[in-house]
PDB file of N, CA and C in Angstrom:
ATOM      1  N   UNK A   1       3.451  87.680  32.125  1.00  0.00           N
ATOM      2  CA  UNK A   1       3.236  88.750  31.172  1.00  0.00           C
ATOM      3  C   UNK A   1       1.805  88.722  30.621  1.00  0.00           C
ATOM      4  N   UNK A   2       1.288  87.519  30.348  1.00  0.00           N
ATOM      5  CA  UNK A   2      -0.035  87.431  29.744  1.00  0.00           C
ATOM      6  C   UNK A   2      -1.164  87.711  30.725  1.00  0.00           C
ATOM      7  N   UNK A   3      -0.897  87.625  32.012  1.00  0.00           N
ATOM      8  CA  UNK A   3      -1.935  87.841  33.006  1.00  0.00           C
ATOM      9  C   UNK A   3      -2.308  89.313  33.152  1.00  0.00           C
ATOM     10  N   UNK A   4      -1.401  90.210  32.820  1.00  0.00           N
ATOM     11  CA  UNK A   4      -1.668  91.642  32.947  1.00  0.00           C
ATOM     12  C   UNK A   4      -2.168  92.191  31.611  1.00  0.00           C
ATOM     13  N   UNK A   5      -3.385  92.760  31.595  1.00  0.00           N
ATOM     14  CA  UNK A   5      -3.995  93.203  30.338  1.00  0.00           C
ATOM     15  C   UNK A   5      -3.122  94.136  29.497  1.00  0.00           C
ATOM     16  N   UNK A   6      -2.431  95.069  30.121  1.00  0.00           N
ATOM     17  CA  UNK A   6      -1.618  96.014  29.357  1.00  0.00           C
ATOM     18  C   UNK A   6      -0.448  95.296  28.673  1.00  0.00           C
ATOM     19  N   UNK A   7       0.213  94.410  29.409  1.00  0.00           N
ATOM     20  CA  UNK A   7       1.339  93.670  28.833  1.00  0.00           C
ATOM     21  C   UNK A   7       0.850  92.675  27.777  1.00  0.00           C
ATOM     22  N   UNK A   8      -0.299  92.077  28.034  1.00  0.00           N
ATOM     23  CA  UNK A   8      -0.858  91.124  27.062  1.00  0.00           C
ATOM     24  C   UNK A   8      -1.133  91.839  25.743  1.00  0.00           C
ATOM     25  N   UNK A   9      -1.683  93.038  25.797  1.00  0.00           N
ATOM     26  CA  UNK A   9      -1.995  93.761  24.563  1.00  0.00           C
ATOM     27  C   UNK A   9      -0.725  94.145  23.799  1.00  0.00           C
ATOM     28  N   UNK A  10       0.379  94.373  24.504  1.00  0.00           N
ATOM     29  CA  UNK A  10       1.647  94.638  23.824  1.00  0.00           C
ATOM     30  C   UNK A  10       2.027  93.420  22.985  1.00  0.00           C
ATOM     31  N   UNK A  11       1.865  92.229  23.541  1.00  0.00           N
ATOM     32  CA  UNK A  11       2.176  91.002  22.811  1.00  0.00           C
ATOM     33  C   UNK A  11       1.182  90.743  21.681  1.00  0.00           C
ATOM     34  N   UNK A  12      -0.098  90.816  21.963  1.00  0.00           N
ATOM     35  CA  UNK A  12      -1.089  90.500  20.935  1.00  0.00           C
ATOM     36  C   UNK A  12      -1.035  91.488  19.772  1.00  0.00           C
ATOM     37  N   UNK A  13      -0.633  92.716  20.030  1.00  0.00           N
ATOM     38  CA  UNK A  13      -0.505  93.706  18.956  1.00  0.00           C
ATOM     39  C   UNK A  13       0.615  93.348  17.975  1.00  0.00           C
ATOM     40  N   UNK A  14       1.578  92.538  18.396  1.00  0.00           N
ATOM     41  CA  UNK A  14       2.688  92.158  17.511  1.00  0.00           C
ATOM     42  C   UNK A  14       2.365  90.922  16.668  1.00  0.00           C
ATOM     43  N   UNK A  15       1.271  90.244  16.942  1.00  0.00           N
ATOM     44  CA  UNK A  15       0.983  88.979  16.279  1.00  0.00           C
ATOM     45  C   UNK A  15       0.728  89.098  14.778  1.00  0.00           C
ATOM     46  N   UNK A  16       0.215  90.230  14.319  1.00  0.00           N
ATOM     47  CA  UNK A  16      -0.076  90.385  12.897  1.00  0.00           C
ATOM     48  C   UNK A  16       1.195  90.331  12.051  1.00  0.00           C
ATOM     49  N   UNK A  17       2.317  90.739  12.614  1.00  0.00           N
ATOM     50  CA  UNK A  17       3.609  90.712  11.905  1.00  0.00           C
ATOM     51  C   UNK A  17       4.629  89.908  12.703  1.00  0.00           C
ATOM     52  N   UNK A  18       4.197  88.857  13.350  1.00  0.00           N
ATOM     53  CA  UNK A  18       5.059  88.070  14.231  1.00  0.00           C
ATOM     54  C   UNK A  18       6.137  87.358  13.427  1.00  0.00           C
ATOM     55  N   UNK A  19       7.397  87.574  13.803  1.00  0.00           N
ATOM     56  CA  UNK A  19       8.517  87.001  13.045  1.00  0.00           C
ATOM     57  C   UNK A  19       9.438  86.160  13.923  1.00  0.00           C
ATOM     58  N   UNK A  20       8.923  85.617  15.021  1.00  0.00           N
ATOM     59  CA  UNK A  20       9.772  84.918  15.973  1.00  0.00           C
ATOM     60  C   UNK A  20       9.425  83.443  16.146  1.00  0.00           C
ATOM     61  N   UNK A  21       8.813  82.833  15.137  1.00  0.00           N
ATOM     62  CA  UNK A  21       8.526  81.404  15.229  1.00  0.00           C
ATOM     63  C   UNK A  21       9.826  80.622  15.193  1.00  0.00           C
ATOM     64  N   UNK A  22       9.891  79.562  15.959  1.00  0.00           N
ATOM     65  CA  UNK A  22      11.028  78.645  15.907  1.00  0.00           C
ATOM     66  C   UNK A  22      10.757  77.694  14.747  1.00  0.00           C
ATOM     67  N   UNK A  23      11.381  77.949  13.628  1.00  0.00           N
ATOM     68  CA  UNK A  23      11.086  77.211  12.404  1.00  0.00           C
ATOM     69  C   UNK A  23      11.507  75.750  12.458  1.00  0.00           C
ATOM     70  N   UNK A  24      12.234  75.358  13.490  1.00  0.00           N
ATOM     71  CA  UNK A  24      12.539  73.933  13.672  1.00  0.00           C
ATOM     72  C   UNK A  24      11.276  73.157  14.023  1.00  0.00           C
ATOM     73  N   UNK A  25      10.282  73.857  14.536  1.00  0.00           N
ATOM     74  CA  UNK A  25       9.049  73.218  14.983  1.00  0.00           C
ATOM     75  C   UNK A  25       7.818  73.732  14.234  1.00  0.00           C
ATOM     76  N   UNK A  26       8.032  74.304  13.049  1.00  0.00           N
ATOM     77  CA  UNK A  26       6.927  74.893  12.289  1.00  0.00           C
ATOM     78  C   UNK A  26       6.927  74.375  10.857  1.00  0.00           C
ATOM     79  N   UNK A  27       5.749  74.015  10.381  1.00  0.00           N
ATOM     80  CA  UNK A  27       5.585  73.592   8.994  1.00  0.00           C
ATOM     81  C   UNK A  27       4.571  74.536   8.358  1.00  0.00           C
ATOM     82  N   UNK A  28       5.019  75.227   7.323  1.00  0.00           N
ATOM     83  CA  UNK A  28       4.141  76.180   6.663  1.00  0.00           C
ATOM     84  C   UNK A  28       3.068  75.458   5.864  1.00  0.00           C
ATOM     85  N   UNK A  29       1.865  75.997   5.929  1.00  0.00           N
ATOM     86  CA  UNK A  29       0.735  75.453   5.183  1.00  0.00           C
ATOM     87  C   UNK A  29       0.570  76.301   3.929  1.00  0.00           C
ATOM     88  N   UNK A  30       0.474  75.641   2.793  1.00  0.00           N
ATOM     89  CA  UNK A  30       0.337  76.391   1.547  1.00  0.00           C
ATOM     90  C   UNK A  30      -0.651  75.702   0.615  1.00  0.00           C
ATOM     91  N   UNK A  31      -0.952  76.382  -0.461  1.00  0.00           N
ATOM     92  CA  UNK A  31      -1.805  75.821  -1.505  1.00  0.00           C
ATOM     93  C   UNK A  31      -3.169  75.385  -1.023  1.00  0.00           C
ATOM     94  N   UNK A  32      -3.575  74.198  -1.457  1.00  0.00           N
ATOM     95  CA  UNK A  32      -4.919  73.682  -1.167  1.00  0.00           C
ATOM     96  C   UNK A  32      -5.132  73.385   0.319  1.00  0.00           C
ATOM     97  N   UNK A  33      -4.071  73.336   1.105  1.00  0.00           N
ATOM     98  CA  UNK A  33      -4.193  73.037   2.535  1.00  0.00           C
ATOM     99  C   UNK A  33      -4.562  74.258   3.367  1.00  0.00           C
ATOM    100  N   UNK A  34      -4.731  75.409   2.761  1.00  0.00           N
ATOM    101  CA  UNK A  34      -4.952  76.649   3.498  1.00  0.00           C
ATOM    102  C   UNK A  34      -6.404  76.852   3.946  1.00  0.00           C
ATOM    103  N   UNK A  35      -7.270  75.866   3.749  1.00  0.00           N
ATOM    104  CA  UNK A  35      -8.665  75.969   4.177  1.00  0.00           C
ATOM    105  C   UNK A  35      -8.803  75.487   5.619  1.00  0.00           C
ATOM    106  N   UNK A  36      -9.762  76.054   6.343  1.00  0.00           N
ATOM    107  CA  UNK A  36      -9.982  75.696   7.748  1.00  0.00           C
ATOM    108  C   UNK A  36     -10.252  74.205   7.923  1.00  0.00           C
ATOM    109  N   UNK A  37     -11.040  73.613   7.039  1.00  0.00           N
ATOM    110  CA  UNK A  37     -11.383  72.199   7.178  1.00  0.00           C
ATOM    111  C   UNK A  37     -10.149  71.307   7.025  1.00  0.00           C
ATOM    112  N   UNK A  38      -9.248  71.669   6.134  1.00  0.00           N
ATOM    113  CA  UNK A  38      -8.032  70.880   5.923  1.00  0.00           C
ATOM    114  C   UNK A  38      -7.078  71.054   7.108  1.00  0.00           C
ATOM    115  N   UNK A  39      -6.961  72.274   7.593  1.00  0.00           N
ATOM    116  CA  UNK A  39      -6.105  72.539   8.754  1.00  0.00           C
ATOM    117  C   UNK A  39      -6.626  71.771   9.967  1.00  0.00           C
ATOM    118  N   UNK A  40      -7.936  71.752  10.152  1.00  0.00           N
ATOM    119  CA  UNK A  40      -8.543  70.991  11.242  1.00  0.00           C
ATOM    120  C   UNK A  40      -8.152  69.517  11.146  1.00  0.00           C
ATOM    121  N   UNK A  41      -8.255  68.941   9.980  1.00  0.00           N
ATOM    122  CA  UNK A  41      -7.895  67.535   9.805  1.00  0.00           C
ATOM    123  C   UNK A  41      -6.407  67.294  10.050  1.00  0.00           C
ATOM    124  N   UNK A  42      -5.548  68.213   9.608  1.00  0.00           N
ATOM    125  CA  UNK A  42      -4.113  68.088   9.870  1.00  0.00           C
ATOM    126  C   UNK A  42      -3.841  68.076  11.373  1.00  0.00           C
ATOM    127  N   UNK A  43      -4.464  69.002  12.089  1.00  0.00           N
ATOM    128  CA  UNK A  43      -4.261  69.076  13.537  1.00  0.00           C
ATOM    129  C   UNK A  43      -4.810  67.840  14.241  1.00  0.00           C
ATOM    130  N   UNK A  44      -5.985  67.397  13.837  1.00  0.00           N
ATOM    131  CA  UNK A  44      -6.575  66.196  14.449  1.00  0.00           C
ATOM    132  C   UNK A  44      -5.713  64.967  14.192  1.00  0.00           C
ATOM    133  N   UNK A  45      -5.116  64.874  13.004  1.00  0.00           N
ATOM    134  CA  UNK A  45      -4.268  63.720  12.690  1.00  0.00           C
ATOM    135  C   UNK A  45      -3.016  63.691  13.564  1.00  0.00           C
ATOM    136  N   UNK A  46      -2.689  64.828  14.159  1.00  0.00           N
ATOM    137  CA  UNK A  46      -1.532  64.920  15.049  1.00  0.00           C
ATOM    138  C   UNK A  46      -1.930  64.858  16.523  1.00  0.00           C
ATOM    139  N   UNK A  47      -3.220  64.584  16.772  1.00  0.00           N
ATOM    140  CA  UNK A  47      -3.685  64.399  18.141  1.00  0.00           C
ATOM    141  C   UNK A  47      -4.385  65.573  18.788  1.00  0.00           C
ATOM    142  N   UNK A  48      -4.738  66.592  18.016  1.00  0.00           N
ATOM    143  CA  UNK A  48      -5.411  67.760  18.594  1.00  0.00           C
ATOM    144  C   UNK A  48      -6.759  67.377  19.195  1.00  0.00           C
ATOM    145  N   UNK A  49      -7.068  67.879  20.398  1.00  0.00           N
ATOM    146  CA  UNK A  49      -8.375  67.628  21.002  1.00  0.00           C
ATOM    147  C   UNK A  49      -9.440  68.556  20.396  1.00  0.00           C
ATOM    148  N   UNK A  50     -10.644  68.452  20.887  1.00  0.00           N
ATOM    149  CA  UNK A  50     -11.755  69.257  20.371  1.00  0.00           C
ATOM    150  C   UNK A  50     -11.620  70.744  20.687  1.00  0.00           C
ATOM    151  N   UNK A  51     -10.923  71.073  21.783  1.00  0.00           N
ATOM    152  CA  UNK A  51     -10.799  72.475  22.180  1.00  0.00           C
ATOM    153  C   UNK A  51      -9.349  72.926  22.111  1.00  0.00           C
ATOM    154  N   UNK A  52      -9.181  74.240  22.062  1.00  0.00           N
ATOM    155  CA  UNK A  52      -7.850  74.836  22.051  1.00  0.00           C
ATOM    156  C   UNK A  52      -7.909  76.137  22.852  1.00  0.00           C
ATOM    157  N   UNK A  53      -6.725  76.685  23.134  1.00  0.00           N
ATOM    158  CA  UNK A  53      -6.616  77.968  23.813  1.00  0.00           C
ATOM    159  C   UNK A  53      -6.123  78.987  22.796  1.00  0.00           C
ATOM    160  N   UNK A  54      -6.739  80.150  22.737  1.00  0.00           N
ATOM    161  CA  UNK A  54      -6.381  81.170  21.751  1.00  0.00           C
ATOM    162  C   UNK A  54      -5.623  82.335  22.382  1.00  0.00           C
ATOM    163  N   UNK A  55      -4.559  82.721  21.710  1.00  0.00           N
ATOM    164  CA  UNK A  55      -3.818  83.958  21.984  1.00  0.00           C
ATOM    165  C   UNK A  55      -3.918  84.731  20.679  1.00  0.00           C
ATOM    166  N   UNK A  56      -4.665  85.831  20.691  1.00  0.00           N
ATOM    167  CA  UNK A  56      -5.011  86.463  19.423  1.00  0.00           C
ATOM    168  C   UNK A  56      -5.111  87.971  19.529  1.00  0.00           C
ATOM    169  N   UNK A  57      -4.837  88.627  18.407  1.00  0.00           N
ATOM    170  CA  UNK A  57      -5.089  90.063  18.365  1.00  0.00           C
ATOM    171  C   UNK A  57      -6.591  90.342  18.259  1.00  0.00           C
ATOM    172  N   UNK A  58      -7.379  89.325  17.962  1.00  0.00           N
ATOM    173  CA  UNK A  58      -8.835  89.432  17.936  1.00  0.00           C
ATOM    174  C   UNK A  58      -9.340  89.325  19.377  1.00  0.00           C
ATOM    175  N   UNK A  59      -9.822  90.411  19.918  1.00  0.00           N
ATOM    176  CA  UNK A  59     -10.225  90.444  21.332  1.00  0.00           C
ATOM    177  C   UNK A  59     -11.393  89.503  21.630  1.00  0.00           C
ATOM    178  N   UNK A  60     -12.176  89.142  20.625  1.00  0.00           N
ATOM    179  CA  UNK A  60     -13.276  88.198  20.825  1.00  0.00           C
ATOM    180  C   UNK A  60     -12.767  86.786  21.100  1.00  0.00           C
ATOM    181  N   UNK A  61     -11.575  86.462  20.611  1.00  0.00           N
ATOM    182  CA  UNK A  61     -10.984  85.132  20.791  1.00  0.00           C
ATOM    183  C   UNK A  61      -9.940  85.081  21.886  1.00  0.00           C
ATOM    184  N   UNK A  62      -9.211  86.150  22.055  1.00  0.00           N
ATOM    185  CA  UNK A  62      -8.038  86.148  22.917  1.00  0.00           C
ATOM    186  C   UNK A  62      -8.349  85.703  24.347  1.00  0.00           C
ATOM    187  N   UNK A  63      -7.506  84.773  24.809  1.00  0.00           N
ATOM    188  CA  UNK A  63      -7.595  84.317  26.191  1.00  0.00           C
ATOM    189  C   UNK A  63      -8.697  83.318  26.461  1.00  0.00           C
ATOM    190  N   UNK A  64      -9.302  82.791  25.407  1.00  0.00           N
ATOM    191  CA  UNK A  64     -10.427  81.883  25.596  1.00  0.00           C
ATOM    192  C   UNK A  64     -10.075  80.460  25.196  1.00  0.00           C
ATOM    193  N   UNK A  65     -10.701  79.517  25.888  1.00  0.00           N
ATOM    194  CA  UNK A  65     -10.688  78.131  25.436  1.00  0.00           C
ATOM    195  C   UNK A  65     -11.922  77.991  24.562  1.00  0.00           C
ATOM    196  N   UNK A  66     -11.714  77.460  23.361  1.00  0.00           N
ATOM    197  CA  UNK A  66     -12.765  77.445  22.354  1.00  0.00           C
ATOM    198  C   UNK A  66     -12.680  76.149  21.554  1.00  0.00           C
ATOM    199  N   UNK A  67     -13.783  75.752  20.972  1.00  0.00           N
ATOM    200  CA  UNK A  67     -13.750  74.595  20.080  1.00  0.00           C
ATOM    201  C   UNK A  67     -12.779  74.883  18.935  1.00  0.00           C
ATOM    202  N   UNK A  68     -11.930  73.929  18.634  1.00  0.00           N
ATOM    203  CA  UNK A  68     -10.945  74.097  17.572  1.00  0.00           C
ATOM    204  C   UNK A  68     -11.621  74.412  16.244  1.00  0.00           C
ATOM    205  N   UNK A  69     -12.718  73.742  15.960  1.00  0.00           N
ATOM    206  CA  UNK A  69     -13.475  73.993  14.726  1.00  0.00           C
ATOM    207  C   UNK A  69     -13.911  75.447  14.643  1.00  0.00           C
ATOM    208  N   UNK A  70     -14.446  75.981  15.722  1.00  0.00           N
ATOM    209  CA  UNK A  70     -14.920  77.370  15.751  1.00  0.00           C
ATOM    210  C   UNK A  70     -13.758  78.354  15.633  1.00  0.00           C
ATOM    211  N   UNK A  71     -12.657  78.058  16.324  1.00  0.00           N
ATOM    212  CA  UNK A  71     -11.495  78.948  16.279  1.00  0.00           C
ATOM    213  C   UNK A  71     -10.961  79.054  14.855  1.00  0.00           C
ATOM    214  N   UNK A  72     -10.789  77.911  14.200  1.00  0.00           N
ATOM    215  CA  UNK A  72     -10.275  77.924  12.830  1.00  0.00           C
ATOM    216  C   UNK A  72     -11.240  78.626  11.883  1.00  0.00           C
ATOM    217  N   UNK A  73     -12.534  78.401  12.052  1.00  0.00           N
ATOM    218  CA  UNK A  73     -13.530  79.068  11.206  1.00  0.00           C
ATOM    219  C   UNK A  73     -13.464  80.582  11.370  1.00  0.00           C
ATOM    220  N   UNK A  74     -13.120  81.032  12.577  1.00  0.00           N
ATOM    221  CA  UNK A  74     -13.054  82.470  12.855  1.00  0.00           C
ATOM    222  C   UNK A  74     -11.802  83.132  12.307  1.00  0.00           C
ATOM    223  N   UNK A  75     -10.684  82.412  12.277  1.00  0.00           N
ATOM    224  CA  UNK A  75      -9.424  83.081  11.961  1.00  0.00           C
ATOM    225  C   UNK A  75      -8.826  82.775  10.598  1.00  0.00           C
ATOM    226  N   UNK A  76      -9.056  81.592  10.055  1.00  0.00           N
ATOM    227  CA  UNK A  76      -8.375  81.222   8.805  1.00  0.00           C
ATOM    228  C   UNK A  76      -8.766  82.187   7.686  1.00  0.00           C
ATOM    229  N   UNK A  77      -7.747  82.832   7.141  1.00  0.00           N
ATOM    230  CA  UNK A  77      -7.941  83.758   6.031  1.00  0.00           C
ATOM    231  C   UNK A  77      -8.340  85.164   6.416  1.00  0.00           C
ATOM    232  N   UNK A  78      -8.463  85.449   7.706  1.00  0.00           N
ATOM    233  CA  UNK A  78      -8.894  86.778   8.140  1.00  0.00           C
ATOM    234  C   UNK A  78      -7.738  87.745   8.373  1.00  0.00           C
ATOM    235  N   UNK A  79      -6.515  87.234   8.372  1.00  0.00           N
ATOM    236  CA  UNK A  79      -5.365  88.107   8.543  1.00  0.00           C
ATOM    237  C   UNK A  79      -5.133  88.574   9.967  1.00  0.00           C
ATOM    238  N   UNK A  80      -5.756  87.906  10.932  1.00  0.00           N
ATOM    239  CA  UNK A  80      -5.572  88.262  12.338  1.00  0.00           C
ATOM    240  C   UNK A  80      -4.482  87.371  12.924  1.00  0.00           C
ATOM    241  N   UNK A  81      -3.489  87.966  13.551  1.00  0.00           N
ATOM    242  CA  UNK A  81      -2.431  87.184  14.176  1.00  0.00           C
ATOM    243  C   UNK A  81      -2.979  86.400  15.346  1.00  0.00           C
ATOM    244  N   UNK A  82      -2.868  85.073  15.264  1.00  0.00           N
ATOM    245  CA  UNK A  82      -3.442  84.212  16.301  1.00  0.00           C
ATOM    246  C   UNK A  82      -2.627  82.941  16.472  1.00  0.00           C
ATOM    247  N   UNK A  83      -2.371  82.597  17.734  1.00  0.00           N
ATOM    248  CA  UNK A  83      -1.834  81.295  18.095  1.00  0.00           C
ATOM    249  C   UNK A  83      -2.979  80.481  18.679  1.00  0.00           C
ATOM    250  N   UNK A  84      -3.079  79.218  18.275  1.00  0.00           N
ATOM    251  CA  UNK A  84      -4.005  78.282  18.899  1.00  0.00           C
ATOM    252  C   UNK A  84      -3.160  77.190  19.531  1.00  0.00           C
ATOM    253  N   UNK A  85      -3.307  77.003  20.817  1.00  0.00           N
ATOM    254  CA  UNK A  85      -2.593  75.949  21.525  1.00  0.00           C
ATOM    255  C   UNK A  85      -3.523  74.755  21.654  1.00  0.00           C
ATOM    256  N   UNK A  86      -3.171  73.679  20.960  1.00  0.00           N
ATOM    257  CA  UNK A  86      -3.988  72.467  20.992  1.00  0.00           C
ATOM    258  C   UNK A  86      -3.523  71.537  22.109  1.00  0.00           C
ATOM    259  N   UNK A  87      -2.232  71.261  22.144  1.00  0.00           N
ATOM    260  CA  UNK A  87      -1.605  70.491  23.206  1.00  0.00           C
ATOM    261  C   UNK A  87      -0.451  71.358  23.698  1.00  0.00           C
ATOM    262  N   UNK A  88      -0.593  71.993  24.854  1.00  0.00           N
ATOM    263  CA  UNK A  88       0.401  72.963  25.315  1.00  0.00           C
ATOM    264  C   UNK A  88       1.841  72.439  25.218  1.00  0.00           C
ATOM    265  N   UNK A  89       2.662  73.237  24.544  1.00  0.00           N
ATOM    266  CA  UNK A  89       4.070  72.905  24.386  1.00  0.00           C
ATOM    267  C   UNK A  89       4.365  71.840  23.341  1.00  0.00           C
ATOM    268  N   UNK A  90       3.307  71.271  22.728  1.00  0.00           N
ATOM    269  CA  UNK A  90       3.525  70.175  21.771  1.00  0.00           C
ATOM    270  C   UNK A  90       2.873  70.400  20.416  1.00  0.00           C
ATOM    271  N   UNK A  91       1.664  70.956  20.379  1.00  0.00           N
ATOM    272  CA  UNK A  91       0.953  71.094  19.113  1.00  0.00           C
ATOM    273  C   UNK A  91       0.134  72.369  19.101  1.00  0.00           C
ATOM    274  N   UNK A  92       0.257  73.102  18.004  1.00  0.00           N
ATOM    275  CA  UNK A  92      -0.503  74.332  17.869  1.00  0.00           C
ATOM    276  C   UNK A  92      -0.609  74.774  16.428  1.00  0.00           C
ATOM    277  N   UNK A  93      -1.182  75.939  16.265  1.00  0.00           N
ATOM    278  CA  UNK A  93      -1.384  76.542  14.948  1.00  0.00           C
ATOM    279  C   UNK A  93      -1.128  78.025  15.096  1.00  0.00           C
ATOM    280  N   UNK A  94      -0.521  78.611  14.066  1.00  0.00           N
ATOM    281  CA  UNK A  94      -0.319  80.062  14.058  1.00  0.00           C
ATOM    282  C   UNK A  94      -0.670  80.596  12.692  1.00  0.00           C
ATOM    283  N   UNK A  95      -1.336  81.731  12.694  1.00  0.00           N
ATOM    284  CA  UNK A  95      -1.650  82.436  11.455  1.00  0.00           C
ATOM    285  C   UNK A  95      -1.439  83.923  11.679  1.00  0.00           C
ATOM    286  N   UNK A  96      -0.817  84.578  10.685  1.00  0.00           N
ATOM    287  CA  UNK A  96      -0.747  86.035  10.719  1.00  0.00           C
ATOM    288  C   UNK A  96      -1.403  86.552   9.442  1.00  0.00           C
ATOM    289  N   UNK A  97      -1.074  87.755   9.029  1.00  0.00           N
ATOM    290  CA  UNK A  97      -1.808  88.304   7.898  1.00  0.00           C
ATOM    291  C   UNK A  97      -1.554  87.600   6.565  1.00  0.00           C
ATOM    292  N   UNK A  98      -0.475  86.817   6.453  1.00  0.00           N
ATOM    293  CA  UNK A  98      -0.256  86.166   5.166  1.00  0.00           C
ATOM    294  C   UNK A  98       0.327  84.754   5.225  1.00  0.00           C
ATOM    295  N   UNK A  99       0.554  84.202   6.405  1.00  0.00           N
ATOM    296  CA  UNK A  99       1.122  82.862   6.508  1.00  0.00           C
ATOM    297  C   UNK A  99       0.372  82.026   7.535  1.00  0.00           C
ATOM    298  N   UNK A 100       0.406  80.700   7.300  1.00  0.00           N
ATOM    299  CA  UNK A 100      -0.241  79.753   8.210  1.00  0.00           C
ATOM    300  C   UNK A 100       0.746  78.638   8.510  1.00  0.00           C
ATOM    301  N   UNK A 101       0.791  78.229   9.790  1.00  0.00           N
ATOM    302  CA  UNK A 101       1.787  77.266  10.247  1.00  0.00           C
ATOM    303  C   UNK A 101       1.195  76.245  11.209  1.00  0.00           C
ATOM    304  N   UNK A 102       1.562  74.988  11.050  1.00  0.00           N
ATOM    305  CA  UNK A 102       1.327  73.974  12.072  1.00  0.00           C
ATOM    306  C   UNK A 102       2.580  73.993  12.945  1.00  0.00           C
ATOM    307  N   UNK A 103       2.394  74.062  14.239  1.00  0.00           N
ATOM    308  CA  UNK A 103       3.505  74.092  15.190  1.00  0.00           C
ATOM    309  C   UNK A 103       3.508  72.771  15.938  1.00  0.00           C
ATOM    310  N   UNK A 104       4.621  72.059  15.847  1.00  0.00           N
ATOM    311  CA  UNK A 104       4.674  70.748  16.483  1.00  0.00           C
ATOM    312  C   UNK A 104       6.068  70.492  17.044  1.00  0.00           C
ATOM    313  N   UNK A 105       6.103  70.220  18.324  1.00  0.00           N
ATOM    314  CA  UNK A 105       7.350  69.831  18.983  1.00  0.00           C
ATOM    315  C   UNK A 105       7.276  68.330  19.180  1.00  0.00           C
ATOM    316  N   UNK A 106       8.082  67.625  18.421  1.00  0.00           N
ATOM    317  CA  UNK A 106       8.064  66.164  18.480  1.00  0.00           C
ATOM    318  C   UNK A 106       8.951  65.671  19.612  1.00  0.00           C
ATOM    319  N   UNK A 107       8.599  64.496  20.108  1.00  0.00           N
ATOM    320  CA  UNK A 107       9.392  63.859  21.146  1.00  0.00           C
ATOM    321  C   UNK A 107      10.746  63.474  20.571  1.00  0.00           C
ATOM    322  N   UNK A 108      11.830  63.680  21.317  1.00  0.00           N
ATOM    323  CA  UNK A 108      13.130  63.236  20.830  1.00  0.00           C
ATOM    324  C   UNK A 108      13.167  61.719  20.704  1.00  0.00           C
ATOM    325  N   UNK A 109      13.938  61.239  19.749  1.00  0.00           N
ATOM    326  CA  UNK A 109      14.059  59.793  19.536  1.00  0.00           C
ATOM    327  C   UNK A 109      14.677  59.139  20.773  1.00  0.00           C
ATOM    328  N   UNK A 110      14.175  57.979  21.104  1.00  0.00           N
ATOM    329  CA  UNK A 110      14.698  57.239  22.242  1.00  0.00           C
ATOM    330  C   UNK A 110      16.064  56.652  21.898  1.00  0.00           C
ATOM    331  N   UNK A 111      17.012  56.817  22.789  1.00  0.00           N
ATOM    332  CA  UNK A 111      18.340  56.217  22.582  1.00  0.00           C
ATOM    333  C   UNK A 111      18.337  54.808  23.135  1.00  0.00           C
ATOM    334  N   UNK A 112      19.058  53.947  22.477  1.00  0.00           N
ATOM    335  CA  UNK A 112      19.150  52.549  22.921  1.00  0.00           C
ATOM    336  C   UNK A 112      20.475  52.281  23.560  1.00  0.00           C
TER     337      UNK A 112
END
């Protein structure tokens, strides 16, 4: 779906009001943590690398691999719906027009 520009734009157009996060794997960021520098540190503390992949309604960012620092500086507080994939399937960030989320899929506990 994301490879075809027309279908991709259908998805990216919904990001500003995206309501389909799996809240089992999402932690909302609020208060003093809503700054780009704090979000960067939160992501790094969870193992985020220097770069991320962006899926965004912002056409300047969408579909690009970008420095995480630059991506956060561009989107935090701008109200643009954007997913940043830091570790595919394991760690990311999402922001829409009024909420910010750390997305983390943790490894299941090992059974003994």
